[in-house]
Amino acid sequence: MISLDDTDKKILNTIQLDFPLETEPYQKLGEELGISEDEVIKRLDRLHAEGAVRKIGPVINRKGVGGTSTLVAVTVPDEKVDEVAGYINEYHEVSHNYHRPERFNVWFTISAPNRDRIDTILEELRERTGLEFIDLPTKKLFKIGVRFDIR
């Protein structure tokens, strides 16, 4: 478990939904939190190194900018999970890739400019692995994003 002080918690709560869209975002964060820009950067580096922060970046509405996405499931033999996950992760269009303890034990999402690109990725993965990938395109989006209240 990662040890968080009150300042760490304020930083984590703030960056989830209110990351400043500024030329100097860490300076702005520091001003809002009453600490220096350097302190914000040092703390985020530590929080990243310790695993509390995976990534700071935008969530793009793929449909809003002209693209599409799909959820994919596949049954991978246990001894090949790391190998297959490695192949999947080679594609920059893959945003999430999870190993789960079920029959369909690897799940991932693909966001691409068009359906043809998704089909190409899935075909390349089929050829490379010999596995059958279940393509589950979005019919209706109900929610995206999550916010954790760090107390």
C-alpha atoms as a PDB file:
ATOM      1  CA  MET A   1       0.000   0.000   0.000  1.00  0.00           C
ATOM      2  CA  ILE A   2       1.260   3.436  -0.940  1.00  0.00           C
ATOM      3  CA  SER A   3       1.618   6.015   1.817  1.00  0.00           C
ATOM      4  CA  LEU A   4      -0.178   9.265   0.920  1.00  0.00           C
ATOM      5  CA  ASP A   5      -0.092  12.503   2.871  1.00  0.00           C
ATOM      6  CA  ASP A   6      -2.792  15.181   2.594  1.00  0.00           C
ATOM      7  CA  THR A   7      -0.961  16.972  -0.237  1.00  0.00           C
ATOM      8  CA  ASP A   8      -0.651  13.748  -2.254  1.00  0.00           C
ATOM      9  CA  LYS A   9      -4.379  13.166  -1.808  1.00  0.00           C
ATOM     10  CA  LYS A  10      -5.212  16.720  -2.928  1.00  0.00           C
ATOM     11  CA  ILE A  11      -3.039  16.282  -6.019  1.00  0.00           C
ATOM     12  CA  LEU A  12      -4.673  12.948  -6.910  1.00  0.00           C
ATOM     13  CA  ASN A  13      -8.188  14.304  -6.404  1.00  0.00           C
ATOM     14  CA  THR A  14      -7.444  17.395  -8.496  1.00  0.00           C
ATOM     15  CA  ILE A  15      -5.742  15.791 -11.505  1.00  0.00           C
ATOM     16  CA  GLN A  16      -8.518  13.267 -12.097  1.00  0.00           C
ATOM     17  CA  LEU A  17     -11.038  15.781 -13.463  1.00  0.00           C
ATOM     18  CA  ASP A  18      -9.552  19.245 -13.126  1.00  0.00           C
ATOM     19  CA  PHE A  19      -6.101  18.961 -14.672  1.00  0.00           C
ATOM     20  CA  PRO A  20      -5.266  22.496 -15.813  1.00  0.00           C
ATOM     21  CA  LEU A  21      -5.186  23.014 -19.567  1.00  0.00           C
ATOM     22  CA  GLU A  22      -2.434  25.602 -19.339  1.00  0.00           C
ATOM     23  CA  THR A  23       1.011  26.195 -20.810  1.00  0.00           C
ATOM     24  CA  GLU A  24       2.457  25.492 -17.343  1.00  0.00           C
ATOM     25  CA  PRO A  25      -0.043  23.023 -15.818  1.00  0.00           C
ATOM     26  CA  TYR A  26       2.167  21.941 -12.910  1.00  0.00           C
ATOM     27  CA  GLN A  27       2.777  25.545 -11.916  1.00  0.00           C
ATOM     28  CA  LYS A  28      -0.996  26.152 -11.984  1.00  0.00           C
ATOM     29  CA  LEU A  29      -1.588  23.006  -9.909  1.00  0.00           C
ATOM     30  CA  GLY A  30       1.001  24.193  -7.423  1.00  0.00           C
ATOM     31  CA  GLU A  31      -0.705  27.576  -7.128  1.00  0.00           C
ATOM     32  CA  GLU A  32      -4.069  25.906  -6.547  1.00  0.00           C
ATOM     33  CA  LEU A  33      -2.599  23.568  -3.910  1.00  0.00           C
ATOM     34  CA  GLY A  34      -0.245  26.039  -2.242  1.00  0.00           C
ATOM     35  CA  ILE A  35       2.996  24.273  -3.207  1.00  0.00           C
ATOM     36  CA  SER A  36       5.702  24.902  -5.808  1.00  0.00           C
ATOM     37  CA  GLU A  37       5.691  23.577  -9.355  1.00  0.00           C
ATOM     38  CA  ASP A  38       8.815  21.544  -8.517  1.00  0.00           C
ATOM     39  CA  GLU A  39       7.027  19.975  -5.537  1.00  0.00           C
ATOM     40  CA  VAL A  40       4.058  18.986  -7.736  1.00  0.00           C
ATOM     41  CA  ILE A  41       6.401  17.385 -10.281  1.00  0.00           C
ATOM     42  CA  LYS A  42       8.440  15.547  -7.622  1.00  0.00           C
ATOM     43  CA  ARG A  43       5.300  14.205  -5.975  1.00  0.00           C
ATOM     44  CA  LEU A  44       3.782  13.066  -9.279  1.00  0.00           C
ATOM     45  CA  ASP A  45       7.049  11.368 -10.238  1.00  0.00           C
ATOM     46  CA  ARG A  46       7.012   9.504  -6.901  1.00  0.00           C
ATOM     47  CA  LEU A  47       3.314   8.639  -7.193  1.00  0.00           C
ATOM     48  CA  HIS A  48       3.940   7.314 -10.699  1.00  0.00           C
ATOM     49  CA  ALA A  49       6.980   5.288  -9.592  1.00  0.00           C
ATOM     50  CA  GLU A  50       4.983   3.818  -6.689  1.00  0.00           C
ATOM     51  CA  GLY A  51       2.041   2.897  -8.926  1.00  0.00           C
ATOM     52  CA  ALA A  52      -0.582   5.363  -7.657  1.00  0.00           C
ATOM     53  CA  VAL A  53      -0.621   7.159 -11.038  1.00  0.00           C
ATOM     54  CA  ARG A  54      -0.398   5.193 -14.270  1.00  0.00           C
ATOM     55  CA  LYS A  55      -0.734   8.020 -16.752  1.00  0.00           C
ATOM     56  CA  ILE A  56      -1.773  11.627 -17.071  1.00  0.00           C
ATOM     57  CA  GLY A  57      -3.535  12.238 -20.359  1.00  0.00           C
ATOM     58  CA  PRO A  58      -6.803  13.118 -22.032  1.00  0.00           C
ATOM     59  CA  VAL A  59      -9.762  10.829 -22.606  1.00  0.00           C
ATOM     60  CA  ILE A  60     -10.667  11.405 -26.242  1.00  0.00           C
ATOM     61  CA  ASN A  61     -14.212  10.827 -27.451  1.00  0.00           C
ATOM     62  CA  ARG A  62     -13.224   8.682 -30.415  1.00  0.00           C
ATOM     63  CA  LYS A  63     -16.635   9.065 -32.099  1.00  0.00           C
ATOM     64  CA  GLY A  64     -16.493  12.826 -31.603  1.00  0.00           C
ATOM     65  CA  VAL A  65     -13.243  13.039 -33.561  1.00  0.00           C
ATOM     66  CA  GLY A  66     -14.217  10.521 -36.220  1.00  0.00           C
ATOM     67  CA  GLY A  67     -13.356   7.049 -35.054  1.00  0.00           C
ATOM     68  CA  THR A  68     -14.710   3.889 -33.535  1.00  0.00           C
ATOM     69  CA  SER A  69     -13.883   1.393 -30.814  1.00  0.00           C
ATOM     70  CA  THR A  70     -14.602  -2.137 -29.710  1.00  0.00           C
ATOM     71  CA  LEU A  71     -14.190  -4.421 -26.720  1.00  0.00           C
ATOM     72  CA  VAL A  72     -12.472  -7.722 -27.484  1.00  0.00           C
ATOM     73  CA  ALA A  73     -12.424 -10.995 -25.543  1.00  0.00           C
ATOM     74  CA  VAL A  74     -10.296 -14.067 -26.147  1.00  0.00           C
ATOM     75  CA  THR A  75      -9.590 -17.374 -24.438  1.00  0.00           C
ATOM     76  CA  VAL A  76      -5.815 -17.753 -24.069  1.00  0.00           C
ATOM     77  CA  PRO A  77      -4.090 -20.846 -22.638  1.00  0.00           C
ATOM     78  CA  ASP A  78      -2.557 -19.906 -19.277  1.00  0.00           C
ATOM     79  CA  GLU A  79       0.980 -20.575 -20.461  1.00  0.00           C
ATOM     80  CA  LYS A  80       0.523 -18.142 -23.393  1.00  0.00           C
ATOM     81  CA  VAL A  81      -1.182 -15.210 -21.619  1.00  0.00           C
ATOM     82  CA  ASP A  82       1.972 -13.057 -21.347  1.00  0.00           C
ATOM     83  CA  GLU A  83       2.981 -13.792 -24.939  1.00  0.00           C
ATOM     84  CA  VAL A  84      -0.469 -12.949 -26.364  1.00  0.00           C
ATOM     85  CA  ALA A  85      -0.766  -9.844 -24.163  1.00  0.00           C
ATOM     86  CA  GLY A  86       2.581  -8.723 -25.557  1.00  0.00           C
ATOM     87  CA  TYR A  87       1.290  -9.034 -29.131  1.00  0.00           C
ATOM     88  CA  ILE A  88      -1.891  -7.137 -28.263  1.00  0.00           C
ATOM     89  CA  ASN A  89       0.059  -4.364 -26.543  1.00  0.00           C
ATOM     90  CA  GLU A  90       2.163  -3.749 -29.660  1.00  0.00           C
ATOM     91  CA  TYR A  91      -0.798  -1.872 -31.125  1.00  0.00           C
ATOM     92  CA  HIS A  92      -1.013   1.757 -30.056  1.00  0.00           C
ATOM     93  CA  GLU A  93      -4.766   1.566 -30.681  1.00  0.00           C
ATOM     94  CA  VAL A  94      -5.144  -0.742 -27.635  1.00  0.00           C
ATOM     95  CA  SER A  95      -5.910   1.296 -24.522  1.00  0.00           C
ATOM     96  CA  HIS A  96      -6.734  -1.387 -21.948  1.00  0.00           C
ATOM     97  CA  ASN A  97      -5.688  -5.023 -21.712  1.00  0.00           C
ATOM     98  CA  TYR A  98      -6.751  -7.181 -18.761  1.00  0.00           C
ATOM     99  CA  HIS A  99      -6.221 -10.778 -17.667  1.00  0.00           C
ATOM    100  CA  ARG A 100      -9.328 -12.134 -15.940  1.00  0.00           C
ATOM    101  CA  PRO A 101     -10.023 -15.456 -14.199  1.00  0.00           C
ATOM    102  CA  GLU A 102     -12.786 -16.602 -16.584  1.00  0.00           C
ATOM    103  CA  ARG A 103     -13.195 -18.667 -19.749  1.00  0.00           C
ATOM    104  CA  PHE A 104     -12.581 -15.525 -21.804  1.00  0.00           C
ATOM    105  CA  ASN A 105      -9.515 -14.585 -19.812  1.00  0.00           C
ATOM    106  CA  VAL A 106      -8.036 -11.686 -21.813  1.00  0.00           C
ATOM    107  CA  TRP A 107     -10.088  -8.563 -22.535  1.00  0.00           C
ATOM    108  CA  PHE A 108      -8.937  -5.398 -24.298  1.00  0.00           C
ATOM    109  CA  THR A 109     -10.259  -2.328 -26.071  1.00  0.00           C
ATOM    110  CA  ILE A 110      -9.289  -1.033 -29.483  1.00  0.00           C
ATOM    111  CA  SER A 111      -9.945   2.555 -30.614  1.00  0.00           C
ATOM    112  CA  ALA A 112      -9.161   3.296 -34.237  1.00  0.00           C
ATOM    113  CA  PRO A 113      -9.921   5.813 -36.978  1.00  0.00           C
ATOM    114  CA  ASN A 114     -12.272   3.363 -38.707  1.00  0.00           C
ATOM    115  CA  ARG A 115     -13.740  -0.128 -38.645  1.00  0.00           C
ATOM    116  CA  ASP A 116     -11.299  -1.352 -41.293  1.00  0.00           C
ATOM    117  CA  ARG A 117      -8.350  -0.672 -38.956  1.00  0.00           C
ATOM    118  CA  ILE A 118      -9.999  -2.632 -36.131  1.00  0.00           C
ATOM    119  CA  ASP A 119     -10.650  -5.533 -38.510  1.00  0.00           C
ATOM    120  CA  THR A 120      -7.009  -5.439 -39.668  1.00  0.00           C
ATOM    121  CA  ILE A 121      -5.715  -5.554 -36.085  1.00  0.00           C
ATOM    122  CA  LEU A 122      -7.989  -8.477 -35.187  1.00  0.00           C
ATOM    123  CA  GLU A 123      -6.998 -10.391 -38.327  1.00  0.00           C
ATOM    124  CA  GLU A 124      -3.291  -9.834 -37.627  1.00  0.00           C
ATOM    125  CA  LEU A 125      -3.766 -11.074 -34.055  1.00  0.00           C
ATOM    126  CA  ARG A 126      -5.676 -14.153 -35.295  1.00  0.00           C
ATOM    127  CA  GLU A 127      -2.885 -14.970 -37.745  1.00  0.00           C
ATOM    128  CA  ARG A 128      -0.154 -14.429 -35.162  1.00  0.00           C
ATOM    129  CA  THR A 129      -1.775 -16.364 -32.302  1.00  0.00           C
ATOM    130  CA  GLY A 130      -4.124 -18.863 -33.943  1.00  0.00           C
ATOM    131  CA  LEU A 131      -6.818 -17.726 -31.477  1.00  0.00           C
ATOM    132  CA  GLU A 132     -10.384 -16.614 -32.117  1.00  0.00           C
ATOM    133  CA  PHE A 133     -11.080 -13.079 -30.901  1.00  0.00           C
ATOM    134  CA  ILE A 134     -14.632 -12.110 -29.931  1.00  0.00           C
ATOM    135  CA  ASP A 135     -15.382  -8.599 -31.239  1.00  0.00           C
ATOM    136  CA  LEU A 136     -17.932  -6.716 -29.117  1.00  0.00           C
ATOM    137  CA  PRO A 137     -18.469  -3.278 -30.696  1.00  0.00           C
ATOM    138  CA  THR A 138     -20.202  -0.561 -28.693  1.00  0.00           C
ATOM    139  CA  LYS A 139     -23.913  -0.266 -29.364  1.00  0.00           C
ATOM    140  CA  LYS A 140     -24.575   2.536 -26.872  1.00  0.00           C
ATOM    141  CA  LEU A 141     -22.234   4.360 -24.486  1.00  0.00           C
ATOM    142  CA  PHE A 142     -23.707   4.773 -21.002  1.00  0.00           C
ATOM    143  CA  LYS A 143     -20.699   6.090 -19.056  1.00  0.00           C
ATOM    144  CA  ILE A 144     -17.025   6.809 -19.469  1.00  0.00           C
ATOM    145  CA  GLY A 145     -14.583   7.799 -16.808  1.00  0.00           C
ATOM    146  CA  VAL A 146     -14.314   7.226 -13.116  1.00  0.00           C
ATOM    147  CA  ARG A 147     -13.301   9.462 -10.235  1.00  0.00           C
ATOM    148  CA  PHE A 148     -11.817   8.096  -7.038  1.00  0.00           C
ATOM    149  CA  ASP A 149     -12.282  10.182  -3.914  1.00  0.00           C
ATOM    150  CA  ILE A 150      -8.863   9.874  -2.268  1.00  0.00           C
ATOM    151  CA  ARG A 151      -9.319  10.519   1.430  1.00  0.00           C
END
